[in-house]
Amino acid sequence: MKKLEIVIRNEKLEDLQKILYDCKANDIMISHIRGYDNKRGYKTIYRGAEYNVHLLPKIKVEIVVPSNVADVIIQKVLKEISTDNYDDGKIFIYNVEDVIIIRTSEHGEDAL
């Protein structure tokens, strides 16, 4: 099993949800986060004053899926979410040893 942490632009959330729905991925956790990448933000002018915006709004989606499904999700995200611009996001991939449903004590992929 793999845990995917997918950090994307806010406007790409619906596209990502469609990918996860098509791959029959369940138990999605979504967090609103702020961060910056190599560009470290951007400059903007507001009421005549220049401001440095360092922390950009992002969405982090966390999901645990079987390894074969993770590969499919990753390929679809790379193909469909990319805009070829900076701050498109990142995918973090972790190995998951086990998953347990507290209520039923189910283990492994049965718990997904």
PDB file of N, CA and C in Angstrom:
ATOM      1  N   MET A   1       0.840  -1.178   0.000  1.00  0.00           N
ATOM      2  CA  MET A   1       0.000   0.000   0.000  1.00  0.00           C
ATOM      3  C   MET A   1       0.883   1.238   0.000  1.00  0.00           C
ATOM      4  N   LYS A   2       0.352   2.290  -0.590  1.00  0.00           N
ATOM      5  CA  LYS A   2       1.073   3.546  -0.681  1.00  0.00           C
ATOM      6  C   LYS A   2       0.211   4.680  -0.150  1.00  0.00           C
ATOM      7  N   LYS A   3       0.871   5.628   0.503  1.00  0.00           N
ATOM      8  CA  LYS A   3       0.202   6.866   0.896  1.00  0.00           C
ATOM      9  C   LYS A   3       0.683   7.938  -0.062  1.00  0.00           C
ATOM     10  N   LEU A   4      -0.255   8.627  -0.686  1.00  0.00           N
ATOM     11  CA  LEU A   4       0.064   9.722  -1.582  1.00  0.00           C
ATOM     12  C   LEU A   4      -0.332  11.024  -0.918  1.00  0.00           C
ATOM     13  N   GLU A   5       0.599  11.966  -0.878  1.00  0.00           N
ATOM     14  CA  GLU A   5       0.300  13.340  -0.476  1.00  0.00           C
ATOM     15  C   GLU A   5       0.480  14.169  -1.730  1.00  0.00           C
ATOM     16  N   ILE A   6      -0.614  14.687  -2.240  1.00  0.00           N
ATOM     17  CA  ILE A   6      -0.600  15.432  -3.491  1.00  0.00           C
ATOM     18  C   ILE A   6      -0.889  16.895  -3.165  1.00  0.00           C
ATOM     19  N   VAL A   7       0.067  17.766  -3.445  1.00  0.00           N
ATOM     20  CA  VAL A   7      -0.080  19.194  -3.200  1.00  0.00           C
ATOM     21  C   VAL A   7      -0.317  19.861  -4.551  1.00  0.00           C
ATOM     22  N   ILE A   8      -1.451  20.566  -4.673  1.00  0.00           N
ATOM     23  CA  ILE A   8      -1.850  21.142  -5.952  1.00  0.00           C
ATOM     24  C   ILE A   8      -2.358  22.564  -5.770  1.00  0.00           C
ATOM     25  N   ARG A   9      -2.565  23.245  -6.883  1.00  0.00           N
ATOM     26  CA  ARG A   9      -3.212  24.553  -6.877  1.00  0.00           C
ATOM     27  C   ARG A   9      -4.673  24.386  -6.498  1.00  0.00           C
ATOM     28  N   ASN A  10      -5.243  25.410  -5.892  1.00  0.00           N
ATOM     29  CA  ASN A  10      -6.641  25.350  -5.455  1.00  0.00           C
ATOM     30  C   ASN A  10      -7.593  25.026  -6.592  1.00  0.00           C
ATOM     31  N   GLU A  11      -7.368  25.613  -7.759  1.00  0.00           N
ATOM     32  CA  GLU A  11      -8.301  25.445  -8.864  1.00  0.00           C
ATOM     33  C   GLU A  11      -8.254  24.056  -9.502  1.00  0.00           C
ATOM     34  N   LYS A  12      -7.296  23.225  -9.119  1.00  0.00           N
ATOM     35  CA  LYS A  12      -7.171  21.878  -9.680  1.00  0.00           C
ATOM     36  C   LYS A  12      -7.812  20.799  -8.800  1.00  0.00           C
ATOM     37  N   LEU A  13      -8.454  21.203  -7.707  1.00  0.00           N
ATOM     38  CA  LEU A  13      -9.030  20.224  -6.787  1.00  0.00           C
ATOM     39  C   LEU A  13     -10.103  19.376  -7.450  1.00  0.00           C
ATOM     40  N   GLU A  14     -10.997  19.980  -8.196  1.00  0.00           N
ATOM     41  CA  GLU A  14     -12.069  19.204  -8.839  1.00  0.00           C
ATOM     42  C   GLU A  14     -11.507  18.201  -9.847  1.00  0.00           C
ATOM     43  N   ASP A  15     -10.474  18.598 -10.574  1.00  0.00           N
ATOM     44  CA  ASP A  15      -9.836  17.673 -11.517  1.00  0.00           C
ATOM     45  C   ASP A  15      -9.225  16.485 -10.779  1.00  0.00           C
ATOM     46  N   LEU A  16      -8.591  16.750  -9.651  1.00  0.00           N
ATOM     47  CA  LEU A  16      -7.993  15.679  -8.859  1.00  0.00           C
ATOM     48  C   LEU A  16      -9.065  14.777  -8.271  1.00  0.00           C
ATOM     49  N   GLN A  17     -10.157  15.357  -7.788  1.00  0.00           N
ATOM     50  CA  GLN A  17     -11.242  14.545  -7.240  1.00  0.00           C
ATOM     51  C   GLN A  17     -11.807  13.613  -8.305  1.00  0.00           C
ATOM     52  N   LYS A  18     -11.915  14.082  -9.535  1.00  0.00           N
ATOM     53  CA  LYS A  18     -12.413  13.245 -10.629  1.00  0.00           C
ATOM     54  C   LYS A  18     -11.461  12.083 -10.883  1.00  0.00           C
ATOM     55  N   ILE A  19     -10.150  12.358 -10.869  1.00  0.00           N
ATOM     56  CA  ILE A  19      -9.158  11.296 -11.062  1.00  0.00           C
ATOM     57  C   ILE A  19      -9.295  10.247  -9.971  1.00  0.00           C
ATOM     58  N   LEU A  20      -9.399  10.689  -8.715  1.00  0.00           N
ATOM     59  CA  LEU A  20      -9.500   9.750  -7.591  1.00  0.00           C
ATOM     60  C   LEU A  20     -10.805   8.965  -7.649  1.00  0.00           C
ATOM     61  N   TYR A  21     -11.898   9.615  -8.053  1.00  0.00           N
ATOM     62  CA  TYR A  21     -13.187   8.927  -8.186  1.00  0.00           C
ATOM     63  C   TYR A  21     -13.111   7.869  -9.291  1.00  0.00           C
ATOM     64  N   ASP A  22     -12.501   8.215 -10.414  1.00  0.00           N
ATOM     65  CA  ASP A  22     -12.362   7.265 -11.522  1.00  0.00           C
ATOM     66  C   ASP A  22     -11.512   6.064 -11.137  1.00  0.00           C
ATOM     67  N   CYS A  23     -10.554   6.259 -10.240  1.00  0.00           N
ATOM     68  CA  CYS A  23      -9.677   5.174  -9.783  1.00  0.00           C
ATOM     69  C   CYS A  23     -10.261   4.436  -8.577  1.00  0.00           C
ATOM     70  N   LYS A  24     -11.489   4.789  -8.191  1.00  0.00           N
ATOM     71  CA  LYS A  24     -12.187   4.170  -7.058  1.00  0.00           C
ATOM     72  C   LYS A  24     -11.397   4.297  -5.752  1.00  0.00           C
ATOM     73  N   ALA A  25     -10.787   5.456  -5.553  1.00  0.00           N
ATOM     74  CA  ALA A  25     -10.044   5.734  -4.327  1.00  0.00           C
ATOM     75  C   ALA A  25     -10.999   6.317  -3.294  1.00  0.00           C
ATOM     76  N   ASN A  26     -10.961   5.802  -2.081  1.00  0.00           N
ATOM     77  CA  ASN A  26     -11.846   6.238  -0.998  1.00  0.00           C
ATOM     78  C   ASN A  26     -11.027   6.889   0.114  1.00  0.00           C
ATOM     79  N   ASP A  27     -11.737   7.440   1.087  1.00  0.00           N
ATOM     80  CA  ASP A  27     -11.112   8.002   2.293  1.00  0.00           C
ATOM     81  C   ASP A  27     -10.068   9.065   1.967  1.00  0.00           C
ATOM     82  N   ILE A  28     -10.510  10.101   1.320  1.00  0.00           N
ATOM     83  CA  ILE A  28      -9.638  11.198   0.929  1.00  0.00           C
ATOM     84  C   ILE A  28      -9.623  12.245   2.038  1.00  0.00           C
ATOM     85  N   MET A  29      -8.438  12.730   2.396  1.00  0.00           N
ATOM     86  CA  MET A  29      -8.308  13.802   3.376  1.00  0.00           C
ATOM     87  C   MET A  29      -7.770  15.031   2.664  1.00  0.00           C
ATOM     88  N   ILE A  30      -8.475  16.151   2.793  1.00  0.00           N
ATOM     89  CA  ILE A  30      -8.099  17.381   2.104  1.00  0.00           C
ATOM     90  C   ILE A  30      -7.785  18.461   3.131  1.00  0.00           C
ATOM     91  N   SER A  31      -6.642  19.143   2.946  1.00  0.00           N
ATOM     92  CA  SER A  31      -6.235  20.229   3.836  1.00  0.00           C
ATOM     93  C   SER A  31      -5.922  21.459   3.006  1.00  0.00           C
ATOM     94  N   HIS A  32      -6.308  22.616   3.518  1.00  0.00           N
ATOM     95  CA  HIS A  32      -5.914  23.883   2.914  1.00  0.00           C
ATOM     96  C   HIS A  32      -4.603  24.291   3.577  1.00  0.00           C
ATOM     97  N   ILE A  33      -3.586  24.481   2.775  1.00  0.00           N
ATOM     98  CA  ILE A  33      -2.258  24.797   3.304  1.00  0.00           C
ATOM     99  C   ILE A  33      -1.709  26.035   2.595  1.00  0.00           C
ATOM    100  N   ARG A  34      -0.582  26.520   3.074  1.00  0.00           N
ATOM    101  CA  ARG A  34       0.145  27.608   2.417  1.00  0.00           C
ATOM    102  C   ARG A  34       1.605  27.199   2.348  1.00  0.00           C
ATOM    103  N   GLY A  35       2.249  27.577   1.263  1.00  0.00           N
ATOM    104  CA  GLY A  35       3.651  27.240   1.125  1.00  0.00           C
ATOM    105  C   GLY A  35       4.262  27.954  -0.054  1.00  0.00           C
ATOM    106  N   TYR A  36       5.545  27.718  -0.276  1.00  0.00           N
ATOM    107  CA  TYR A  36       6.210  28.289  -1.438  1.00  0.00           C
ATOM    108  C   TYR A  36       7.180  27.273  -1.993  1.00  0.00           C
ATOM    109  N   ASP A  37       7.528  27.467  -3.254  1.00  0.00           N
ATOM    110  CA  ASP A  37       8.466  26.576  -3.913  1.00  0.00           C
ATOM    111  C   ASP A  37       9.772  27.312  -4.177  1.00  0.00           C
ATOM    112  N   ASN A  38      10.495  26.923  -5.196  1.00  0.00           N
ATOM    113  CA  ASN A  38      11.798  27.524  -5.490  1.00  0.00           C
ATOM    114  C   ASN A  38      11.709  29.013  -5.806  1.00  0.00           C
ATOM    115  N   LYS A  39      10.570  29.472  -6.347  1.00  0.00           N
ATOM    116  CA  LYS A  39      10.422  30.884  -6.672  1.00  0.00           C
ATOM    117  C   LYS A  39      10.212  31.739  -5.431  1.00  0.00           C
ATOM    118  N   ARG A  40       9.786  31.130  -4.335  1.00  0.00           N
ATOM    119  CA  ARG A  40       9.561  31.816  -3.059  1.00  0.00           C
ATOM    120  C   ARG A  40       8.523  32.927  -3.169  1.00  0.00           C
ATOM    121  N   GLY A  41       7.434  32.655  -3.868  1.00  0.00           N
ATOM    122  CA  GLY A  41       6.338  33.612  -3.939  1.00  0.00           C
ATOM    123  C   GLY A  41       6.445  34.551  -5.118  1.00  0.00           C
ATOM    124  N   TYR A  42       5.789  35.710  -4.998  1.00  0.00           N
ATOM    125  CA  TYR A  42       5.780  36.691  -6.078  1.00  0.00           C
ATOM    126  C   TYR A  42       5.558  38.079  -5.504  1.00  0.00           C
ATOM    127  N   LYS A  43       5.755  39.103  -6.341  1.00  0.00           N
ATOM    128  CA  LYS A  43       5.530  40.494  -5.935  1.00  0.00           C
ATOM    129  C   LYS A  43       4.210  40.960  -6.519  1.00  0.00           C
ATOM    130  N   THR A  44       3.477  41.769  -5.770  1.00  0.00           N
ATOM    131  CA  THR A  44       2.219  42.327  -6.241  1.00  0.00           C
ATOM    132  C   THR A  44       2.112  43.769  -5.753  1.00  0.00           C
ATOM    133  N   ILE A  45       1.273  44.533  -6.416  1.00  0.00           N
ATOM    134  CA  ILE A  45       1.042  45.920  -6.010  1.00  0.00           C
ATOM    135  C   ILE A  45      -0.400  46.037  -5.542  1.00  0.00           C
ATOM    136  N   TYR A  46      -0.574  46.584  -4.333  1.00  0.00           N
ATOM    137  CA  TYR A  46      -1.894  46.777  -3.752  1.00  0.00           C
ATOM    138  C   TYR A  46      -1.976  48.213  -3.247  1.00  0.00           C
ATOM    139  N   ARG A  47      -2.904  48.981  -3.804  1.00  0.00           N
ATOM    140  CA  ARG A  47      -3.082  50.393  -3.447  1.00  0.00           C
ATOM    141  C   ARG A  47      -1.791  51.194  -3.538  1.00  0.00           C
ATOM    142  N   GLY A  48      -1.060  50.921  -4.610  1.00  0.00           N
ATOM    143  CA  GLY A  48       0.151  51.681  -4.868  1.00  0.00           C
ATOM    144  C   GLY A  48       1.396  51.215  -4.145  1.00  0.00           C
ATOM    145  N   ALA A  49       1.277  50.264  -3.253  1.00  0.00           N
ATOM    146  CA  ALA A  49       2.440  49.751  -2.515  1.00  0.00           C
ATOM    147  C   ALA A  49       2.790  48.355  -3.023  1.00  0.00           C
ATOM    148  N   GLU A  50       4.077  48.082  -3.109  1.00  0.00           N
ATOM    149  CA  GLU A  50       4.533  46.771  -3.565  1.00  0.00           C
ATOM    150  C   GLU A  50       4.674  45.829  -2.372  1.00  0.00           C
ATOM    151  N   TYR A  51       4.130  44.624  -2.520  1.00  0.00           N
ATOM    152  CA  TYR A  51       4.180  43.614  -1.461  1.00  0.00           C
ATOM    153  C   TYR A  51       4.813  42.339  -2.006  1.00  0.00           C
ATOM    154  N   ASN A  52       5.539  41.655  -1.145  1.00  0.00           N
ATOM    155  CA  ASN A  52       6.045  40.327  -1.465  1.00  0.00           C
ATOM    156  C   ASN A  52       5.095  39.305  -0.861  1.00  0.00           C
ATOM    157  N   VAL A  53       4.529  38.474  -1.704  1.00  0.00           N
ATOM    158  CA  VAL A  53       3.647  37.393  -1.249  1.00  0.00           C
ATOM    159  C   VAL A  53       4.491  36.132  -1.236  1.00  0.00           C
ATOM    160  N   HIS A  54       4.846  35.662  -0.046  1.00  0.00           N
ATOM    161  CA  HIS A  54       5.727  34.506   0.072  1.00  0.00           C
ATOM    162  C   HIS A  54       4.967  33.191   0.176  1.00  0.00           C
ATOM    163  N   LEU A  55       3.879  33.174   0.910  1.00  0.00           N
ATOM    164  CA  LEU A  55       3.148  31.928   1.120  1.00  0.00           C
ATOM    165  C   LEU A  55       1.920  31.905   0.218  1.00  0.00           C
ATOM    166  N   LEU A  56       1.894  30.923  -0.672  1.00  0.00           N
ATOM    167  CA  LEU A  56       0.809  30.789  -1.633  1.00  0.00           C
ATOM    168  C   LEU A  56      -0.194  29.748  -1.154  1.00  0.00           C
ATOM    169  N   PRO A  57      -1.489  29.965  -1.387  1.00  0.00           N
ATOM    170  CA  PRO A  57      -2.480  28.981  -0.982  1.00  0.00           C
ATOM    171  C   PRO A  57      -2.388  27.725  -1.847  1.00  0.00           C
ATOM    172  N   LYS A  58      -2.475  26.582  -1.213  1.00  0.00           N
ATOM    173  CA  LYS A  58      -2.414  25.281  -1.887  1.00  0.00           C
ATOM    174  C   LYS A  58      -3.438  24.348  -1.249  1.00  0.00           C
ATOM    175  N   ILE A  59      -3.646  23.220  -1.885  1.00  0.00           N
ATOM    176  CA  ILE A  59      -4.490  22.148  -1.355  1.00  0.00           C
ATOM    177  C   ILE A  59      -3.608  20.913  -1.216  1.00  0.00           C
ATOM    178  N   LYS A  60      -3.691  20.234  -0.061  1.00  0.00           N
ATOM    179  CA  LYS A  60      -2.981  18.963   0.123  1.00  0.00           C
ATOM    180  C   LYS A  60      -4.022  17.860   0.256  1.00  0.00           C
ATOM    181  N   VAL A  61      -3.913  16.874  -0.618  1.00  0.00           N
ATOM    182  CA  VAL A  61      -4.819  15.730  -0.599  1.00  0.00           C
ATOM    183  C   VAL A  61      -4.005  14.517  -0.178  1.00  0.00           C
ATOM    184  N   GLU A  62      -4.466  13.828   0.864  1.00  0.00           N
ATOM    185  CA  GLU A  62      -3.793  12.626   1.353  1.00  0.00           C
ATOM    186  C   GLU A  62      -4.706  11.436   1.128  1.00  0.00           C
ATOM    187  N   ILE A  63      -4.129  10.342   0.637  1.00  0.00           N
ATOM    188  CA  ILE A  63      -4.914   9.140   0.378  1.00  0.00           C
ATOM    189  C   ILE A  63      -4.003   7.918   0.469  1.00  0.00           C
ATOM    190  N   VAL A  64      -4.557   6.817   0.975  1.00  0.00           N
ATOM    191  CA  VAL A  64      -3.844   5.543   1.027  1.00  0.00           C
ATOM    192  C   VAL A  64      -4.557   4.590   0.079  1.00  0.00           C
ATOM    193  N   VAL A  65      -3.785   4.012  -0.842  1.00  0.00           N
ATOM    194  CA  VAL A  65      -4.350   3.132  -1.870  1.00  0.00           C
ATOM    195  C   VAL A  65      -3.420   1.945  -2.086  1.00  0.00           C
ATOM    196  N   PRO A  66      -3.928   0.871  -2.717  1.00  0.00           N
ATOM    197  CA  PRO A  66      -3.034  -0.235  -3.098  1.00  0.00           C
ATOM    198  C   PRO A  66      -1.948   0.268  -4.063  1.00  0.00           C
ATOM    199  N   SER A  67      -0.811  -0.379  -4.070  1.00  0.00           N
ATOM    200  CA  SER A  67       0.341   0.075  -4.861  1.00  0.00           C
ATOM    201  C   SER A  67       0.027   0.200  -6.346  1.00  0.00           C
ATOM    202  N   ASN A  68      -0.725  -0.762  -6.897  1.00  0.00           N
ATOM    203  CA  ASN A  68      -1.029  -0.706  -8.324  1.00  0.00           C
ATOM    204  C   ASN A  68      -1.942   0.483  -8.656  1.00  0.00           C
ATOM    205  N   VAL A  69      -2.847   0.839  -7.761  1.00  0.00           N
ATOM    206  CA  VAL A  69      -3.727   1.993  -7.965  1.00  0.00           C
ATOM    207  C   VAL A  69      -2.926   3.284  -7.827  1.00  0.00           C
ATOM    208  N   ALA A  70      -1.954   3.301  -6.922  1.00  0.00           N
ATOM    209  CA  ALA A  70      -1.119   4.496  -6.737  1.00  0.00           C
ATOM    210  C   ALA A  70      -0.398   4.858  -8.025  1.00  0.00           C
ATOM    211  N   ASP A  71       0.121   3.858  -8.722  1.00  0.00           N
ATOM    212  CA  ASP A  71       0.823   4.119  -9.980  1.00  0.00           C
ATOM    213  C   ASP A  71      -0.097   4.746 -11.016  1.00  0.00           C
ATOM    214  N   VAL A  72      -1.333   4.271 -11.102  1.00  0.00           N
ATOM    215  CA  VAL A  72      -2.314   4.808 -12.048  1.00  0.00           C
ATOM    216  C   VAL A  72      -2.654   6.252 -11.690  1.00  0.00           C
ATOM    217  N   ILE A  73      -2.888   6.517 -10.398  1.00  0.00           N
ATOM    218  CA  ILE A  73      -3.221   7.867  -9.945  1.00  0.00           C
ATOM    219  C   ILE A  73      -2.078   8.831 -10.259  1.00  0.00           C
ATOM    220  N   ILE A  74      -0.852   8.419  -9.989  1.00  0.00           N
ATOM    221  CA  ILE A  74       0.304   9.274 -10.232  1.00  0.00           C
ATOM    222  C   ILE A  74       0.405   9.640 -11.712  1.00  0.00           C
ATOM    223  N   GLN A  75       0.259   8.651 -12.582  1.00  0.00           N
ATOM    224  CA  GLN A  75       0.352   8.925 -14.018  1.00  0.00           C
ATOM    225  C   GLN A  75      -0.757   9.868 -14.484  1.00  0.00           C
ATOM    226  N   LYS A  76      -1.977   9.670 -13.979  1.00  0.00           N
ATOM    227  CA  LYS A  76      -3.087  10.544 -14.366  1.00  0.00           C
ATOM    228  C   LYS A  76      -2.882  11.964 -13.850  1.00  0.00           C
ATOM    229  N   VAL A  77      -2.383  12.099 -12.637  1.00  0.00           N
ATOM    230  CA  VAL A  77      -2.125  13.430 -12.074  1.00  0.00           C
ATOM    231  C   VAL A  77      -1.061  14.150 -12.897  1.00  0.00           C
ATOM    232  N   LEU A  78       0.019  13.455 -13.229  1.00  0.00           N
ATOM    233  CA  LEU A  78       1.080  14.068 -14.024  1.00  0.00           C
ATOM    234  C   LEU A  78       0.571  14.512 -15.387  1.00  0.00           C
ATOM    235  N   LYS A  79      -0.353  13.749 -15.949  1.00  0.00           N
ATOM    236  CA  LYS A  79      -0.871  14.063 -17.280  1.00  0.00           C
ATOM    237  C   LYS A  79      -1.937  15.156 -17.251  1.00  0.00           C
ATOM    238  N   GLU A  80      -2.861  15.102 -16.275  1.00  0.00           N
ATOM    239  CA  GLU A  80      -4.045  15.953 -16.311  1.00  0.00           C
ATOM    240  C   GLU A  80      -3.978  17.198 -15.430  1.00  0.00           C
ATOM    241  N   ILE A  81      -3.156  17.202 -14.410  1.00  0.00           N
ATOM    242  CA  ILE A  81      -3.103  18.331 -13.479  1.00  0.00           C
ATOM    243  C   ILE A  81      -2.056  19.365 -13.901  1.00  0.00           C
ATOM    244  N   SER A  82      -1.036  18.950 -14.610  1.00  0.00           N
ATOM    245  CA  SER A  82       0.062  19.852 -14.967  1.00  0.00           C
ATOM    246  C   SER A  82      -0.394  20.978 -15.882  1.00  0.00           C
ATOM    247  N   THR A  83       0.073  22.201 -15.577  1.00  0.00           N
ATOM    248  CA  THR A  83      -0.157  23.356 -16.437  1.00  0.00           C
ATOM    249  C   THR A  83       1.164  23.856 -17.014  1.00  0.00           C
ATOM    250  N   ASP A  84       2.259  23.145 -16.731  1.00  0.00           N
ATOM    251  CA  ASP A  84       3.608  23.513 -17.156  1.00  0.00           C
ATOM    252  C   ASP A  84       4.057  24.861 -16.600  1.00  0.00           C
ATOM    253  N   ASN A  85       3.503  25.252 -15.462  1.00  0.00           N
ATOM    254  CA  ASN A  85       3.903  26.474 -14.783  1.00  0.00           C
ATOM    255  C   ASN A  85       4.537  26.133 -13.440  1.00  0.00           C
ATOM    256  N   TYR A  86       5.261  27.122 -12.882  1.00  0.00           N
ATOM    257  CA  TYR A  86       5.760  26.938 -11.529  1.00  0.00           C
ATOM    258  C   TYR A  86       4.585  26.727 -10.589  1.00  0.00           C
ATOM    259  N   ASP A  87       4.834  26.162  -9.474  1.00  0.00           N
ATOM    260  CA  ASP A  87       3.880  25.887  -8.394  1.00  0.00           C
ATOM    261  C   ASP A  87       2.674  25.057  -8.831  1.00  0.00           C
ATOM    262  N   ASP A  88       2.877  24.131  -9.786  1.00  0.00           N
ATOM    263  CA  ASP A  88       1.828  23.161 -10.118  1.00  0.00           C
ATOM    264  C   ASP A  88       1.598  22.211  -8.954  1.00  0.00           C
ATOM    265  N   GLY A  89       2.631  21.954  -8.171  1.00  0.00           N
ATOM    266  CA  GLY A  89       2.495  21.085  -7.012  1.00  0.00           C
ATOM    267  C   GLY A  89       3.513  19.971  -6.999  1.00  0.00           C
ATOM    268  N   LYS A  90       3.328  19.056  -6.058  1.00  0.00           N
ATOM    269  CA  LYS A  90       4.229  17.922  -5.886  1.00  0.00           C
ATOM    270  C   LYS A  90       3.437  16.725  -5.405  1.00  0.00           C
ATOM    271  N   ILE A  91       4.025  15.542  -5.613  1.00  0.00           N
ATOM    272  CA  ILE A  91       3.449  14.298  -5.106  1.00  0.00           C
ATOM    273  C   ILE A  91       4.497  13.657  -4.202  1.00  0.00           C
ATOM    274  N   PHE A  92       4.113  13.365  -2.966  1.00  0.00           N
ATOM    275  CA  PHE A  92       4.971  12.657  -2.030  1.00  0.00           C
ATOM    276  C   PHE A  92       4.412  11.246  -1.889  1.00  0.00           C
ATOM    277  N   ILE A  93       5.297  10.244  -1.951  1.00  0.00           N
ATOM    278  CA  ILE A  93       4.868   8.847  -1.938  1.00  0.00           C
ATOM    279  C   ILE A  93       5.529   8.148  -0.755  1.00  0.00           C
ATOM    280  N   TYR A  94       4.710   7.489   0.061  1.00  0.00           N
ATOM    281  CA  TYR A  94       5.200   6.772   1.238  1.00  0.00           C
ATOM    282  C   TYR A  94       4.709   5.326   1.195  1.00  0.00           C
ATOM    283  N   ASN A  95       5.505   4.415   1.720  1.00  0.00           N
ATOM    284  CA  ASN A  95       5.053   3.039   1.908  1.00  0.00           C
ATOM    285  C   ASN A  95       4.241   2.967   3.191  1.00  0.00           C
ATOM    286  N   VAL A  96       3.139   2.234   3.145  1.00  0.00           N
ATOM    287  CA  VAL A  96       2.284   2.057   4.313  1.00  0.00           C
ATOM    288  C   VAL A  96       2.351   0.593   4.724  1.00  0.00           C
ATOM    289  N   GLU A  97       2.711   0.363   5.963  1.00  0.00           N
ATOM    290  CA  GLU A  97       2.859  -1.005   6.458  1.00  0.00           C
ATOM    291  C   GLU A  97       1.507  -1.675   6.667  1.00  0.00           C
ATOM    292  N   ASP A  98       0.567  -0.970   7.275  1.00  0.00           N
ATOM    293  CA  ASP A  98      -0.735  -1.570   7.562  1.00  0.00           C
ATOM    294  C   ASP A  98      -1.761  -0.479   7.790  1.00  0.00           C
ATOM    295  N   VAL A  99      -3.012  -0.836   7.609  1.00  0.00           N
ATOM    296  CA  VAL A  99      -4.143   0.039   7.896  1.00  0.00           C
ATOM    297  C   VAL A  99      -5.138  -0.778   8.704  1.00  0.00           C
ATOM    298  N   ILE A 100      -5.684  -0.181   9.750  1.00  0.00           N
ATOM    299  CA  ILE A 100      -6.652  -0.882  10.602  1.00  0.00           C
ATOM    300  C   ILE A 100      -7.870   0.013  10.791  1.00  0.00           C
ATOM    301  N   ILE A 101      -9.051  -0.558  10.556  1.00  0.00           N
ATOM    302  CA  ILE A 101     -10.287   0.144  10.885  1.00  0.00           C
ATOM    303  C   ILE A 101     -10.554  -0.108  12.366  1.00  0.00           C
ATOM    304  N   ILE A 102     -10.677   0.943  13.130  1.00  0.00           N
ATOM    305  CA  ILE A 102     -10.827   0.817  14.577  1.00  0.00           C
ATOM    306  C   ILE A 102     -12.115   0.085  14.942  1.00  0.00           C
ATOM    307  N   ARG A 103     -13.217   0.427  14.290  1.00  0.00           N
ATOM    308  CA  ARG A 103     -14.520  -0.144  14.639  1.00  0.00           C
ATOM    309  C   ARG A 103     -14.584  -1.648  14.393  1.00  0.00           C
ATOM    310  N   THR A 104     -14.045  -2.117  13.233  1.00  0.00           N
ATOM    311  CA  THR A 104     -14.202  -3.524  12.853  1.00  0.00           C
ATOM    312  C   THR A 104     -12.931  -4.343  12.985  1.00  0.00           C
ATOM    313  N   SER A 105     -11.802  -3.708  13.243  1.00  0.00           N
ATOM    314  CA  SER A 105     -10.489  -4.343  13.346  1.00  0.00           C
ATOM    315  C   SER A 105     -10.017  -4.964  12.035  1.00  0.00           C
ATOM    316  N   GLU A 106     -10.569  -4.533  10.901  1.00  0.00           N
ATOM    317  CA  GLU A 106     -10.099  -5.035   9.611  1.00  0.00           C
ATOM    318  C   GLU A 106      -8.707  -4.494   9.339  1.00  0.00           C
ATOM    319  N   HIS A 107      -7.857  -5.330   8.696  1.00  0.00           N
ATOM    320  CA  HIS A 107      -6.471  -4.970   8.405  1.00  0.00           C
ATOM    321  C   HIS A 107      -6.226  -4.911   6.898  1.00  0.00           C
ATOM    322  N   GLY A 108      -5.144  -4.239   6.537  1.00  0.00           N
ATOM    323  CA  GLY A 108      -4.648  -4.261   5.170  1.00  0.00           C
ATOM    324  C   GLY A 108      -5.583  -3.627   4.157  1.00  0.00           C
ATOM    325  N   GLU A 109      -5.563  -4.177   2.924  1.00  0.00           N
ATOM    326  CA  GLU A 109      -6.370  -3.607   1.853  1.00  0.00           C
ATOM    327  C   GLU A 109      -7.861  -3.735   2.112  1.00  0.00           C
ATOM    328  N   ASP A 110      -8.283  -4.686   2.962  1.00  0.00           N
ATOM    329  CA  ASP A 110      -9.699  -4.782   3.333  1.00  0.00           C
ATOM    330  C   ASP A 110     -10.160  -3.536   4.080  1.00  0.00           C
ATOM    331  N   ALA A 111      -9.220  -2.865   4.747  1.00  0.00           N
ATOM    332  CA  ALA A 111      -9.544  -1.682   5.525  1.00  0.00           C
ATOM    333  C   ALA A 111      -9.652  -0.431   4.647  1.00  0.00           C
ATOM    334  N   LEU A 112      -9.210  -0.526   3.417  1.00  0.00           N
ATOM    335  CA  LEU A 112      -9.298   0.626   2.520  1.00  0.00           C
ATOM    336  C   LEU A 112     -10.698   0.707   1.969  1.00  0.00           C
TER     337      LEU A 112
END
